[in-house]
Amino acid sequence: MMLGRIVGSVVASAKHPSLEGKKLLVVQPVTREGHDRGKPIVAIDAVGAGFRETVYWCRGKEASLAFSAELPCDASIVGIVDAITPAPARPDAPRQAKK
């Protein structure tokens, strides 16, 4: 799963019958810090995400498993992120040089 931010929606008047009633959203992949990463993608919403929310999304075969019936999709939104907390530093982890 990857992190993303909802930046828009897609309206399709013609689509596969199994996609009827499904919401298509534009997801901007982001880093843990919230910085944009890569190009936006279109994903099917399985959780009721809204504009500017941070979400978990997945790609490939796993994307269709978020629904009761298998859908023809490459990406789906599978969770809404409430908060991101960094893991505590491990004492044995190498220190990063300050810039």
PDB file of N, CA and C in Angstrom:
ATOM      1  N   MET A   1       0.831  -1.178   0.000  1.00  0.00           N
ATOM      2  CA  MET A   1       0.000   0.000   0.000  1.00  0.00           C
ATOM      3  C   MET A   1       0.880   1.246   0.000  1.00  0.00           C
ATOM      4  N   MET A   2       0.349   2.300  -0.564  1.00  0.00           N
ATOM      5  CA  MET A   2       1.088   3.546  -0.670  1.00  0.00           C
ATOM      6  C   MET A   2       0.229   4.701  -0.160  1.00  0.00           C
ATOM      7  N   LEU A   3       0.881   5.790   0.188  1.00  0.00           N
ATOM      8  CA  LEU A   3       0.166   6.980   0.650  1.00  0.00           C
ATOM      9  C   LEU A   3      -0.138   7.892  -0.522  1.00  0.00           C
ATOM     10  N   GLY A   4      -1.269   8.583  -0.450  1.00  0.00           N
ATOM     11  CA  GLY A   4      -1.633   9.546  -1.472  1.00  0.00           C
ATOM     12  C   GLY A   4      -2.580  10.582  -0.899  1.00  0.00           C
ATOM     13  N   ARG A   5      -2.822  11.619  -1.688  1.00  0.00           N
ATOM     14  CA  ARG A   5      -3.744  12.688  -1.294  1.00  0.00           C
ATOM     15  C   ARG A   5      -4.751  12.855  -2.426  1.00  0.00           C
ATOM     16  N   ILE A   6      -6.029  12.960  -2.079  1.00  0.00           N
ATOM     17  CA  ILE A   6      -7.072  13.126  -3.089  1.00  0.00           C
ATOM     18  C   ILE A   6      -7.008  14.553  -3.631  1.00  0.00           C
ATOM     19  N   VAL A   7      -6.835  14.672  -4.956  1.00  0.00           N
ATOM     20  CA  VAL A   7      -6.708  15.992  -5.577  1.00  0.00           C
ATOM     21  C   VAL A   7      -7.804  16.272  -6.601  1.00  0.00           C
ATOM     22  N   GLY A   8      -8.702  15.326  -6.834  1.00  0.00           N
ATOM     23  CA  GLY A   8      -9.769  15.555  -7.792  1.00  0.00           C
ATOM     24  C   GLY A   8     -10.626  14.328  -7.986  1.00  0.00           C
ATOM     25  N   SER A   9     -11.590  14.457  -8.867  1.00  0.00           N
ATOM     26  CA  SER A   9     -12.473  13.329  -9.185  1.00  0.00           C
ATOM     27  C   SER A   9     -12.588  13.196 -10.700  1.00  0.00           C
ATOM     28  N   VAL A  10     -13.074  12.037 -11.128  1.00  0.00           N
ATOM     29  CA  VAL A  10     -13.230  11.757 -12.551  1.00  0.00           C
ATOM     30  C   VAL A  10     -14.688  11.392 -12.803  1.00  0.00           C
ATOM     31  N   VAL A  11     -15.278  11.963 -13.834  1.00  0.00           N
ATOM     32  CA  VAL A  11     -16.640  11.622 -14.240  1.00  0.00           C
ATOM     33  C   VAL A  11     -16.536  10.896 -15.567  1.00  0.00           C
ATOM     34  N   ALA A  12     -17.096   9.692 -15.623  1.00  0.00           N
ATOM     35  CA  ALA A  12     -17.068   8.899 -16.853  1.00  0.00           C
ATOM     36  C   ALA A  12     -18.491   8.514 -17.223  1.00  0.00           C
ATOM     37  N   SER A  13     -18.964   8.982 -18.359  1.00  0.00           N
ATOM     38  CA  SER A  13     -20.336   8.672 -18.770  1.00  0.00           C
ATOM     39  C   SER A  13     -20.439   7.268 -19.348  1.00  0.00           C
ATOM     40  N   ALA A  14     -19.333   6.746 -19.857  1.00  0.00           N
ATOM     41  CA  ALA A  14     -19.317   5.383 -20.385  1.00  0.00           C
ATOM     42  C   ALA A  14     -18.206   4.610 -19.675  1.00  0.00           C
ATOM     43  N   LYS A  15     -18.587   3.504 -19.029  1.00  0.00           N
ATOM     44  CA  LYS A  15     -17.595   2.685 -18.320  1.00  0.00           C
ATOM     45  C   LYS A  15     -18.103   1.262 -18.204  1.00  0.00           C
ATOM     46  N   HIS A  16     -17.240   0.361 -17.791  1.00  0.00           N
ATOM     47  CA  HIS A  16     -17.588  -1.042 -17.618  1.00  0.00           C
ATOM     48  C   HIS A  16     -18.777  -1.145 -16.654  1.00  0.00           C
ATOM     49  N   PRO A  17     -19.737  -2.001 -16.928  1.00  0.00           N
ATOM     50  CA  PRO A  17     -20.920  -2.110 -16.066  1.00  0.00           C
ATOM     51  C   PRO A  17     -20.601  -2.369 -14.584  1.00  0.00           C
ATOM     52  N   SER A  18     -19.525  -3.070 -14.291  1.00  0.00           N
ATOM     53  CA  SER A  18     -19.181  -3.356 -12.892  1.00  0.00           C
ATOM     54  C   SER A  18     -18.703  -2.110 -12.145  1.00  0.00           C
ATOM     55  N   LEU A  19     -18.408  -1.041 -12.879  1.00  0.00           N
ATOM     56  CA  LEU A  19     -17.969   0.206 -12.247  1.00  0.00           C
ATOM     57  C   LEU A  19     -19.122   1.176 -11.979  1.00  0.00           C
ATOM     58  N   GLU A  20     -20.345   0.800 -12.366  1.00  0.00           N
ATOM     59  CA  GLU A  20     -21.506   1.655 -12.118  1.00  0.00           C
ATOM     60  C   GLU A  20     -21.644   1.910 -10.624  1.00  0.00           C
ATOM     61  N   GLY A  21     -21.807   3.170 -10.254  1.00  0.00           N
ATOM     62  CA  GLY A  21     -21.977   3.528  -8.851  1.00  0.00           C
ATOM     63  C   GLY A  21     -20.686   3.653  -8.066  1.00  0.00           C
ATOM     64  N   LYS A  22     -19.544   3.384  -8.691  1.00  0.00           N
ATOM     65  CA  LYS A  22     -18.242   3.491  -8.015  1.00  0.00           C
ATOM     66  C   LYS A  22     -17.671   4.878  -8.273  1.00  0.00           C
ATOM     67  N   LYS A  23     -17.058   5.457  -7.242  1.00  0.00           N
ATOM     68  CA  LYS A  23     -16.469   6.797  -7.347  1.00  0.00           C
ATOM     69  C   LYS A  23     -15.026   6.676  -7.829  1.00  0.00           C
ATOM     70  N   LEU A  24     -14.666   7.446  -8.844  1.00  0.00           N
ATOM     71  CA  LEU A  24     -13.303   7.484  -9.364  1.00  0.00           C
ATOM     72  C   LEU A  24     -12.648   8.778  -8.887  1.00  0.00           C
ATOM     73  N   LEU A  25     -11.498   8.657  -8.219  1.00  0.00           N
ATOM     74  CA  LEU A  25     -10.812   9.819  -7.672  1.00  0.00           C
ATOM     75  C   LEU A  25      -9.392   9.919  -8.208  1.00  0.00           C
ATOM     76  N   VAL A  26      -8.892  11.140  -8.290  1.00  0.00           N
ATOM     77  CA  VAL A  26      -7.508  11.380  -8.700  1.00  0.00           C
ATOM     78  C   VAL A  26      -6.670  11.432  -7.417  1.00  0.00           C
ATOM     79  N   VAL A  27      -5.644  10.569  -7.357  1.00  0.00           N
ATOM     80  CA  VAL A  27      -4.782  10.459  -6.177  1.00  0.00           C
ATOM     81  C   VAL A  27      -3.370  10.915  -6.542  1.00  0.00           C
ATOM     82  N   GLN A  28      -2.843  11.856  -5.770  1.00  0.00           N
ATOM     83  CA  GLN A  28      -1.449  12.288  -5.923  1.00  0.00           C
ATOM     84  C   GLN A  28      -0.626  11.482  -4.921  1.00  0.00           C
ATOM     85  N   PRO A  29       0.254  10.574  -5.392  1.00  0.00           N
ATOM     86  CA  PRO A  29       1.102   9.847  -4.451  1.00  0.00           C
ATOM     87  C   PRO A  29       1.963  10.825  -3.645  1.00  0.00           C
ATOM     88  N   VAL A  30       2.149  10.541  -2.348  1.00  0.00           N
ATOM     89  CA  VAL A  30       2.932  11.418  -1.475  1.00  0.00           C
ATOM     90  C   VAL A  30       3.884  10.588  -0.616  1.00  0.00           C
ATOM     91  N   THR A  31       4.888  11.267  -0.070  1.00  0.00           N
ATOM     92  CA  THR A  31       5.812  10.648   0.880  1.00  0.00           C
ATOM     93  C   THR A  31       5.191  10.698   2.271  1.00  0.00           C
ATOM     94  N   ARG A  32       5.864  10.091   3.254  1.00  0.00           N
ATOM     95  CA  ARG A  32       5.372  10.148   4.641  1.00  0.00           C
ATOM     96  C   ARG A  32       5.250  11.575   5.131  1.00  0.00           C
ATOM     97  N   GLU A  33       6.111  12.449   4.602  1.00  0.00           N
ATOM     98  CA  GLU A  33       6.107  13.857   5.010  1.00  0.00           C
ATOM     99  C   GLU A  33       5.038  14.663   4.282  1.00  0.00           C
ATOM    100  N   GLY A  34       4.355  14.062   3.318  1.00  0.00           N
ATOM    101  CA  GLY A  34       3.296  14.747   2.585  1.00  0.00           C
ATOM    102  C   GLY A  34       3.737  15.431   1.315  1.00  0.00           C
ATOM    103  N   HIS A  35       4.987  15.211   0.878  1.00  0.00           N
ATOM    104  CA  HIS A  35       5.489  15.821  -0.362  1.00  0.00           C
ATOM    105  C   HIS A  35       5.048  14.990  -1.567  1.00  0.00           C
ATOM    106  N   ASP A  36       4.675  15.678  -2.644  1.00  0.00           N
ATOM    107  CA  ASP A  36       4.264  14.981  -3.868  1.00  0.00           C
ATOM    108  C   ASP A  36       5.373  14.059  -4.350  1.00  0.00           C
ATOM    109  N   ARG A  37       4.938  12.896  -4.888  1.00  0.00           N
ATOM    110  CA  ARG A  37       5.895  11.911  -5.387  1.00  0.00           C
ATOM    111  C   ARG A  37       5.309  11.271  -6.634  1.00  0.00           C
ATOM    112  N   GLY A  38       5.866  11.558  -7.781  1.00  0.00           N
ATOM    113  CA  GLY A  38       5.378  10.961  -9.017  1.00  0.00           C
ATOM    114  C   GLY A  38       4.137  11.657  -9.562  1.00  0.00           C
ATOM    115  N   LYS A  39       3.526  11.002 -10.556  1.00  0.00           N
ATOM    116  CA  LYS A  39       2.366  11.558 -11.251  1.00  0.00           C
ATOM    117  C   LYS A  39       1.076  11.092 -10.585  1.00  0.00           C
ATOM    118  N   PRO A  40       0.020  11.905 -10.676  1.00  0.00           N
ATOM    119  CA  PRO A  40      -1.284  11.493 -10.135  1.00  0.00           C
ATOM    120  C   PRO A  40      -1.841  10.288 -10.889  1.00  0.00           C
ATOM    121  N   ILE A  41      -2.673   9.514 -10.208  1.00  0.00           N
ATOM    122  CA  ILE A  41      -3.318   8.344 -10.811  1.00  0.00           C
ATOM    123  C   ILE A  41      -4.817   8.415 -10.543  1.00  0.00           C
ATOM    124  N   VAL A  42      -5.577   7.640 -11.281  1.00  0.00           N
ATOM    125  CA  VAL A  42      -7.019   7.520 -11.036  1.00  0.00           C
ATOM    126  C   VAL A  42      -7.236   6.201 -10.315  1.00  0.00           C
ATOM    127  N   ALA A  43      -7.997   6.251  -9.206  1.00  0.00           N
ATOM    128  CA  ALA A  43      -8.254   5.046  -8.413  1.00  0.00           C
ATOM    129  C   ALA A  43      -9.738   4.964  -8.080  1.00  0.00           C
ATOM    130  N   ILE A  44     -10.226   3.748  -7.892  1.00  0.00           N
ATOM    131  CA  ILE A  44     -11.608   3.535  -7.476  1.00  0.00           C
ATOM    132  C   ILE A  44     -11.653   3.634  -5.954  1.00  0.00           C
ATOM    133  N   ASP A  45     -12.617   4.389  -5.453  1.00  0.00           N
ATOM    134  CA  ASP A  45     -12.741   4.607  -4.014  1.00  0.00           C
ATOM    135  C   ASP A  45     -13.552   3.492  -3.367  1.00  0.00           C
ATOM    136  N   ALA A  46     -12.946   2.796  -2.394  1.00  0.00           N
ATOM    137  CA  ALA A  46     -13.640   1.726  -1.675  1.00  0.00           C
ATOM    138  C   ALA A  46     -14.034   2.140  -0.264  1.00  0.00           C
ATOM    139  N   VAL A  47     -13.666   3.373   0.156  1.00  0.00           N
ATOM    140  CA  VAL A  47     -13.861   3.757   1.560  1.00  0.00           C
ATOM    141  C   VAL A  47     -14.575   5.093   1.767  1.00  0.00           C
ATOM    142  N   GLY A  48     -14.928   5.800   0.736  1.00  0.00           N
ATOM    143  CA  GLY A  48     -15.610   7.083   0.899  1.00  0.00           C
ATOM    144  C   GLY A  48     -14.684   8.246   1.185  1.00  0.00           C
ATOM    145  N   ALA A  49     -13.527   8.269   0.545  1.00  0.00           N
ATOM    146  CA  ALA A  49     -12.544   9.344   0.745  1.00  0.00           C
ATOM    147  C   ALA A  49     -13.048  10.652   0.139  1.00  0.00           C
ATOM    148  N   GLY A  50     -12.522  11.764   0.672  1.00  0.00           N
ATOM    149  CA  GLY A  50     -12.913  13.078   0.191  1.00  0.00           C
ATOM    150  C   GLY A  50     -11.723  13.912  -0.237  1.00  0.00           C
ATOM    151  N   PHE A  51     -12.015  15.065  -0.832  1.00  0.00           N
ATOM    152  CA  PHE A  51     -10.990  15.969  -1.358  1.00  0.00           C
ATOM    153  C   PHE A  51      -9.975  16.337  -0.279  1.00  0.00           C
ATOM    154  N   ARG A  52      -8.706  16.284  -0.638  1.00  0.00           N
ATOM    155  CA  ARG A  52      -7.551  16.623   0.199  1.00  0.00           C
ATOM    156  C   ARG A  52      -7.293  15.665   1.357  1.00  0.00           C
ATOM    157  N   GLU A  53      -8.024  14.564   1.455  1.00  0.00           N
ATOM    158  CA  GLU A  53      -7.731  13.587   2.505  1.00  0.00           C
ATOM    159  C   GLU A  53      -6.511  12.766   2.112  1.00  0.00           C
ATOM    160  N   THR A  54      -5.749  12.346   3.112  1.00  0.00           N
ATOM    161  CA  THR A  54      -4.630  11.443   2.887  1.00  0.00           C
ATOM    162  C   THR A  54      -5.178  10.026   2.953  1.00  0.00           C
ATOM    163  N   VAL A  55      -4.796   9.196   1.979  1.00  0.00           N
ATOM    164  CA  VAL A  55      -5.360   7.849   1.868  1.00  0.00           C
ATOM    165  C   VAL A  55      -4.257   6.812   1.651  1.00  0.00           C
ATOM    166  N   TYR A  56      -4.628   5.549   1.906  1.00  0.00           N
ATOM    167  CA  TYR A  56      -3.816   4.411   1.483  1.00  0.00           C
ATOM    168  C   TYR A  56      -4.405   3.948   0.167  1.00  0.00           C
ATOM    169  N   TRP A  57      -3.561   3.623  -0.778  1.00  0.00           N
ATOM    170  CA  TRP A  57      -4.046   3.090  -2.036  1.00  0.00           C
ATOM    171  C   TRP A  57      -3.141   1.945  -2.458  1.00  0.00           C
ATOM    172  N   CYS A  58      -3.686   1.038  -3.253  1.00  0.00           N
ATOM    173  CA  CYS A  58      -2.885  -0.088  -3.735  1.00  0.00           C
ATOM    174  C   CYS A  58      -3.083  -0.225  -5.230  1.00  0.00           C
ATOM    175  N   ARG A  59      -2.191  -0.987  -5.816  1.00  0.00           N
ATOM    176  CA  ARG A  59      -2.132  -1.113  -7.262  1.00  0.00           C
ATOM    177  C   ARG A  59      -2.075  -2.575  -7.682  1.00  0.00           C
ATOM    178  N   GLY A  60      -2.430  -2.840  -8.908  1.00  0.00           N
ATOM    179  CA  GLY A  60      -2.315  -4.191  -9.452  1.00  0.00           C
ATOM    180  C   GLY A  60      -3.487  -5.083  -9.062  1.00  0.00           C
ATOM    181  N   LYS A  61      -3.254  -6.374  -9.029  1.00  0.00           N
ATOM    182  CA  LYS A  61      -4.288  -7.366  -8.723  1.00  0.00           C
ATOM    183  C   LYS A  61      -4.958  -7.077  -7.383  1.00  0.00           C
ATOM    184  N   GLU A  62      -4.168  -6.642  -6.393  1.00  0.00           N
ATOM    185  CA  GLU A  62      -4.705  -6.360  -5.059  1.00  0.00           C
ATOM    186  C   GLU A  62      -5.755  -5.260  -5.085  1.00  0.00           C
ATOM    187  N   ALA A  63      -5.685  -4.352  -6.045  1.00  0.00           N
ATOM    188  CA  ALA A  63      -6.636  -3.247  -6.135  1.00  0.00           C
ATOM    189  C   ALA A  63      -8.063  -3.754  -6.303  1.00  0.00           C
ATOM    190  N   SER A  64      -8.255  -4.816  -7.052  1.00  0.00           N
ATOM    191  CA  SER A  64      -9.613  -5.328  -7.277  1.00  0.00           C
ATOM    192  C   SER A  64     -10.134  -6.114  -6.083  1.00  0.00           C
ATOM    193  N   LEU A  65      -9.263  -6.522  -5.169  1.00  0.00           N
ATOM    194  CA  LEU A  65      -9.695  -7.308  -4.008  1.00  0.00           C
ATOM    195  C   LEU A  65     -10.395  -6.469  -2.943  1.00  0.00           C
ATOM    196  N   ALA A  66     -10.399  -5.154  -3.077  1.00  0.00           N
ATOM    197  CA  ALA A  66     -11.060  -4.279  -2.111  1.00  0.00           C
ATOM    198  C   ALA A  66     -12.582  -4.314  -2.262  1.00  0.00           C
ATOM    199  N   PHE A  67     -13.074  -4.969  -3.286  1.00  0.00           N
ATOM    200  CA  PHE A  67     -14.499  -5.001  -3.565  1.00  0.00           C
ATOM    201  C   PHE A  67     -15.006  -6.441  -3.537  1.00  0.00           C
ATOM    202  N   SER A  68     -16.307  -6.617  -3.310  1.00  0.00           N
ATOM    203  CA  SER A  68     -16.868  -7.968  -3.214  1.00  0.00           C
ATOM    204  C   SER A  68     -16.762  -8.718  -4.543  1.00  0.00           C
ATOM    205  N   ALA A  69     -16.929  -8.004  -5.641  1.00  0.00           N
ATOM    206  CA  ALA A  69     -16.761  -8.619  -6.959  1.00  0.00           C
ATOM    207  C   ALA A  69     -15.481  -8.061  -7.574  1.00  0.00           C
ATOM    208  N   GLU A  70     -14.790  -8.891  -8.334  1.00  0.00           N
ATOM    209  CA  GLU A  70     -13.550  -8.435  -8.962  1.00  0.00           C
ATOM    210  C   GLU A  70     -13.870  -7.394 -10.027  1.00  0.00           C
ATOM    211  N   LEU A  71     -13.187  -6.243  -9.939  1.00  0.00           N
ATOM    212  CA  LEU A  71     -13.416  -5.145 -10.869  1.00  0.00           C
ATOM    213  C   LEU A  71     -12.226  -4.985 -11.812  1.00  0.00           C
ATOM    214  N   PRO A  72     -12.477  -4.449 -13.018  1.00  0.00           N
ATOM    215  CA  PRO A  72     -11.378  -4.159 -13.932  1.00  0.00           C
ATOM    216  C   PRO A  72     -10.699  -2.848 -13.532  1.00  0.00           C
ATOM    217  N   CYS A  73      -9.752  -2.929 -12.609  1.00  0.00           N
ATOM    218  CA  CYS A  73      -9.089  -1.706 -12.148  1.00  0.00           C
ATOM    219  C   CYS A  73      -7.617  -1.972 -11.878  1.00  0.00           C
ATOM    220  N   ASP A  74      -6.849  -0.900 -11.891  1.00  0.00           N
ATOM    221  CA  ASP A  74      -5.422  -0.999 -11.625  1.00  0.00           C
ATOM    222  C   ASP A  74      -5.050  -0.357 -10.295  1.00  0.00           C
ATOM    223  N   ALA A  75      -5.948   0.480  -9.730  1.00  0.00           N
ATOM    224  CA  ALA A  75      -5.661   1.144  -8.459  1.00  0.00           C
ATOM    225  C   ALA A  75      -6.958   1.355  -7.690  1.00  0.00           C
ATOM    226  N   SER A  76      -6.880   1.182  -6.368  1.00  0.00           N
ATOM    227  CA  SER A  76      -8.049   1.452  -5.534  1.00  0.00           C
ATOM    228  C   SER A  76      -7.623   2.073  -4.213  1.00  0.00           C
ATOM    229  N   ILE A  77      -8.520   2.880  -3.657  1.00  0.00           N
ATOM    230  CA  ILE A  77      -8.290   3.528  -2.369  1.00  0.00           C
ATOM    231  C   ILE A  77      -8.872   2.601  -1.319  1.00  0.00           C
ATOM    232  N   VAL A  78      -8.035   2.163  -0.371  1.00  0.00           N
ATOM    233  CA  VAL A  78      -8.464   1.155   0.594  1.00  0.00           C
ATOM    234  C   VAL A  78      -8.468   1.637   2.034  1.00  0.00           C
ATOM    235  N   GLY A  79      -8.058   2.876   2.297  1.00  0.00           N
ATOM    236  CA  GLY A  79      -8.068   3.387   3.662  1.00  0.00           C
ATOM    237  C   GLY A  79      -7.886   4.890   3.708  1.00  0.00           C
ATOM    238  N   ILE A  80      -8.440   5.498   4.759  1.00  0.00           N
ATOM    239  CA  ILE A  80      -8.272   6.930   4.998  1.00  0.00           C
ATOM    240  C   ILE A  80      -7.328   7.077   6.187  1.00  0.00           C
ATOM    241  N   VAL A  81      -6.289   7.880   6.029  1.00  0.00           N
ATOM    242  CA  VAL A  81      -5.260   8.048   7.062  1.00  0.00           C
ATOM    243  C   VAL A  81      -5.685   9.159   8.020  1.00  0.00           C
ATOM    244  N   ASP A  82      -5.711   8.839   9.315  1.00  0.00           N
ATOM    245  CA  ASP A  82      -6.033   9.837  10.333  1.00  0.00           C
ATOM    246  C   ASP A  82      -4.784  10.583  10.781  1.00  0.00           C
ATOM    247  N   ALA A  83      -3.677   9.864  10.949  1.00  0.00           N
ATOM    248  CA  ALA A  83      -2.435  10.491  11.413  1.00  0.00           C
ATOM    249  C   ALA A  83      -1.255   9.628  10.998  1.00  0.00           C
ATOM    250  N   ILE A  84      -0.107  10.273  10.850  1.00  0.00           N
ATOM    251  CA  ILE A  84       1.145   9.571  10.552  1.00  0.00           C
ATOM    252  C   ILE A  84       2.123   9.934  11.651  1.00  0.00           C
ATOM    253  N   THR A  85       2.602   8.924  12.365  1.00  0.00           N
ATOM    254  CA  THR A  85       3.556   9.165  13.450  1.00  0.00           C
ATOM    255  C   THR A  85       4.862   8.463  13.105  1.00  0.00           C
ATOM    256  N   PRO A  86       5.971   9.190  13.121  1.00  0.00           N
ATOM    257  CA  PRO A  86       7.243   8.546  12.801  1.00  0.00           C
ATOM    258  C   PRO A  86       7.622   7.544  13.887  1.00  0.00           C
ATOM    259  N   ALA A  87       8.267   6.475  13.464  1.00  0.00           N
ATOM    260  CA  ALA A  87       8.739   5.471  14.422  1.00  0.00           C
ATOM    261  C   ALA A  87       9.865   6.070  15.254  1.00  0.00           C
ATOM    262  N   PRO A  88       9.972   5.687  16.536  1.00  0.00           N
ATOM    263  CA  PRO A  88      11.070   6.205  17.353  1.00  0.00           C
ATOM    264  C   PRO A  88      12.415   5.716  16.805  1.00  0.00           C
ATOM    265  N   ALA A  89      13.430   6.544  16.958  1.00  0.00           N
ATOM    266  CA  ALA A  89      14.762   6.184  16.466  1.00  0.00           C
ATOM    267  C   ALA A  89      15.301   5.003  17.253  1.00  0.00           C
ATOM    268  N   ARG A  90      15.887   4.060  16.553  1.00  0.00           N
ATOM    269  CA  ARG A  90      16.509   2.913  17.207  1.00  0.00           C
ATOM    270  C   ARG A  90      17.911   3.307  17.632  1.00  0.00           C
ATOM    271  N   PRO A  91      18.349   2.866  18.798  1.00  0.00           N
ATOM    272  CA  PRO A  91      19.689   3.236  19.257  1.00  0.00           C
ATOM    273  C   PRO A  91      20.802   2.692  18.354  1.00  0.00           C
ATOM    274  N   ASP A  92      20.547   1.571  17.665  1.00  0.00           N
ATOM    275  CA  ASP A  92      21.577   0.981  16.809  1.00  0.00           C
ATOM    276  C   ASP A  92      21.527   1.493  15.370  1.00  0.00           C
ATOM    277  N   ALA A  93      20.552   2.378  15.050  1.00  0.00           N
ATOM    278  CA  ALA A  93      20.433   2.902  13.691  1.00  0.00           C
ATOM    279  C   ALA A  93      21.507   3.968  13.442  1.00  0.00           C
ATOM    280  N   PRO A  94      22.070   3.987  12.227  1.00  0.00           N
ATOM    281  CA  PRO A  94      23.075   5.012  11.912  1.00  0.00           C
ATOM    282  C   PRO A  94      22.462   6.400  11.927  1.00  0.00           C
ATOM    283  N   ARG A  95      23.203   7.374  12.412  1.00  0.00           N
ATOM    284  CA  ARG A  95      22.698   8.749  12.454  1.00  0.00           C
ATOM    285  C   ARG A  95      22.866   9.414  11.104  1.00  0.00           C
ATOM    286  N   GLN A  96      21.929  10.278  10.765  1.00  0.00           N
ATOM    287  CA  GLN A  96      22.016  11.012   9.506  1.00  0.00           C
ATOM    288  C   GLN A  96      22.755  12.319   9.747  1.00  0.00           C
ATOM    289  N   ALA A  97      23.566  12.693   8.786  1.00  0.00           N
ATOM    290  CA  ALA A  97      24.324  13.942   8.898  1.00  0.00           C
ATOM    291  C   ALA A  97      23.379  15.129   8.744  1.00  0.00           C
ATOM    292  N   LYS A  98      23.565  16.150   9.540  1.00  0.00           N
ATOM    293  CA  LYS A  98      22.739  17.359   9.423  1.00  0.00           C
ATOM    294  C   LYS A  98      23.213  18.190   8.244  1.00  0.00           C
ATOM    295  N   LYS A  99      22.247  18.821   7.590  1.00  0.00           N
ATOM    296  CA  LYS A  99      22.581  19.658   6.421  1.00  0.00           C
ATOM    297  C   LYS A  99      22.700  21.083   6.812  1.00  0.00           C
TER     298      LYS A  99
END
